[in-house]
Amino acid sequence: MNLFYYIGLFASFFGLTQQIPQIYKIIKTKSATDLSYGTILLTISNQILWFIYAMSIQNTIYTINAVGHFFIDITELLLKAYYDNINQQQATT
């Protein structure tokens, strides 16, 4: 393994952690109204395509990155759906 492998690994790690503050904010404020379903679904689709590409070239860093981002994006989607549902129920009562 060379230096570029480790640079890619660290870049992947930092890329994965960039969405953690957004998830924290959603949980803290119990709201995700500022996020759009379209954007989240596009990012999930993007990660699926990156995963397919990573597997086709057998690149470990891209695979880890795609899988990690996929799970983070799914987490955002689930949190958005959950809090949107709760907020909608509270608005109707």
Protein backbone atom coordinates (compact mmCIF):
# COMPACT_ATOMS: atom_id res chain seq x y z
CA MET A 1 0.00 0.00 0.00
CA ASN A 2 1.25 3.40 -0.88
CA LEU A 3 0.69 6.91 0.40
CA PHE A 4 -2.22 7.51 -1.98
CA TYR A 5 -4.10 4.56 -0.49
CA TYR A 6 -3.95 6.18 2.96
CA ILE A 7 -4.86 9.59 1.54
CA GLY A 8 -7.92 7.98 -0.05
CA LEU A 9 -8.78 6.22 3.18
CA PHE A 10 -8.59 9.44 5.20
CA ALA A 11 -10.54 11.35 2.54
CA SER A 12 -13.22 8.68 2.71
CA PHE A 13 -13.36 8.93 6.51
CA PHE A 14 -13.64 12.73 6.46
CA GLY A 15 -16.26 12.56 3.73
CA LEU A 16 -18.32 10.17 5.81
CA THR A 17 -18.16 12.38 8.89
CA GLN A 18 -19.34 15.50 7.07
CA GLN A 19 -22.99 14.46 7.33
CA ILE A 20 -22.88 13.60 11.04
CA PRO A 21 -23.60 17.22 12.11
CA GLN A 22 -26.71 17.21 9.89
CA ILE A 23 -27.99 14.02 11.51
CA TYR A 24 -27.23 15.46 14.94
CA LYS A 25 -29.18 18.62 14.08
CA ILE A 26 -32.18 16.60 12.88
CA ILE A 27 -32.25 14.62 16.12
CA LYS A 28 -31.67 17.68 18.32
CA THR A 29 -34.32 19.86 16.65
CA LYS A 30 -36.66 16.94 15.93
CA SER A 31 -37.17 18.41 12.48
CA ALA A 32 -35.86 17.83 8.97
CA THR A 33 -38.08 20.23 7.07
CA ASP A 34 -35.03 21.92 5.57
CA LEU A 35 -34.07 18.71 3.75
CA SER A 36 -35.80 17.60 0.58
CA TYR A 37 -36.72 14.02 -0.22
CA GLY A 38 -35.50 14.57 -3.77
CA THR A 39 -31.99 15.47 -2.66
CA ILE A 40 -31.77 12.56 -0.26
CA LEU A 41 -33.03 10.11 -2.89
CA LEU A 42 -30.54 11.46 -5.42
CA THR A 43 -27.66 11.01 -2.99
CA ILE A 44 -28.80 7.45 -2.21
CA SER A 45 -28.96 6.69 -5.93
CA ASN A 46 -25.51 8.21 -6.36
CA GLN A 47 -24.07 5.96 -3.66
CA ILE A 48 -25.64 2.87 -5.22
CA LEU A 49 -23.96 3.76 -8.52
CA TRP A 50 -20.62 4.41 -6.77
CA PHE A 51 -20.95 1.04 -5.05
CA ILE A 52 -21.53 -0.73 -8.36
CA TYR A 53 -18.55 1.09 -9.85
CA ALA A 54 -16.34 0.30 -6.84
CA MET A 55 -17.21 -3.37 -7.03
CA SER A 56 -16.55 -3.47 -10.77
CA ILE A 57 -13.02 -2.10 -10.31
CA GLN A 58 -12.54 -3.91 -6.98
CA ASN A 59 -11.56 -0.75 -5.11
CA THR A 60 -11.80 -1.11 -1.34
CA ILE A 61 -11.78 2.61 -0.55
CA TYR A 62 -14.59 3.42 -2.98
CA THR A 63 -16.58 0.46 -1.68
CA ILE A 64 -16.23 1.53 1.97
CA ASN A 65 -17.07 5.10 1.03
CA ALA A 66 -20.16 4.15 -0.98
CA VAL A 67 -21.50 1.78 1.68
CA GLY A 68 -20.86 4.27 4.48
CA HIS A 69 -22.52 7.14 2.64
CA PHE A 70 -25.43 4.89 1.70
CA PHE A 71 -26.14 4.07 5.35
CA ILE A 72 -25.78 7.69 6.40
CA ASP A 73 -28.14 8.79 3.63
CA ILE A 74 -30.65 6.09 4.58
CA THR A 75 -30.42 7.32 8.18
CA GLU A 76 -31.20 10.87 7.03
CA LEU A 77 -34.13 9.58 4.96
CA LEU A 78 -35.58 7.61 7.86
CA LEU A 79 -35.14 10.49 10.30
CA LYS A 80 -36.76 12.91 7.86
CA ALA A 81 -39.73 10.60 7.30
CA TYR A 82 -40.08 9.99 11.03
CA TYR A 83 -39.98 13.64 12.11
CA ASP A 84 -42.06 14.82 9.15
CA ASN A 85 -44.72 12.31 10.18
CA ILE A 86 -44.63 13.40 13.84
CA ASN A 87 -44.75 17.10 12.91
CA GLN A 88 -47.63 16.48 10.51
CA GLN A 89 -49.59 14.61 13.19
CA GLN A 90 -49.00 17.44 15.67
CA ALA A 91 -50.16 20.02 13.14
CA THR A 92 -53.45 18.22 12.56
CA THR A 93 -54.30 17.81 16.24
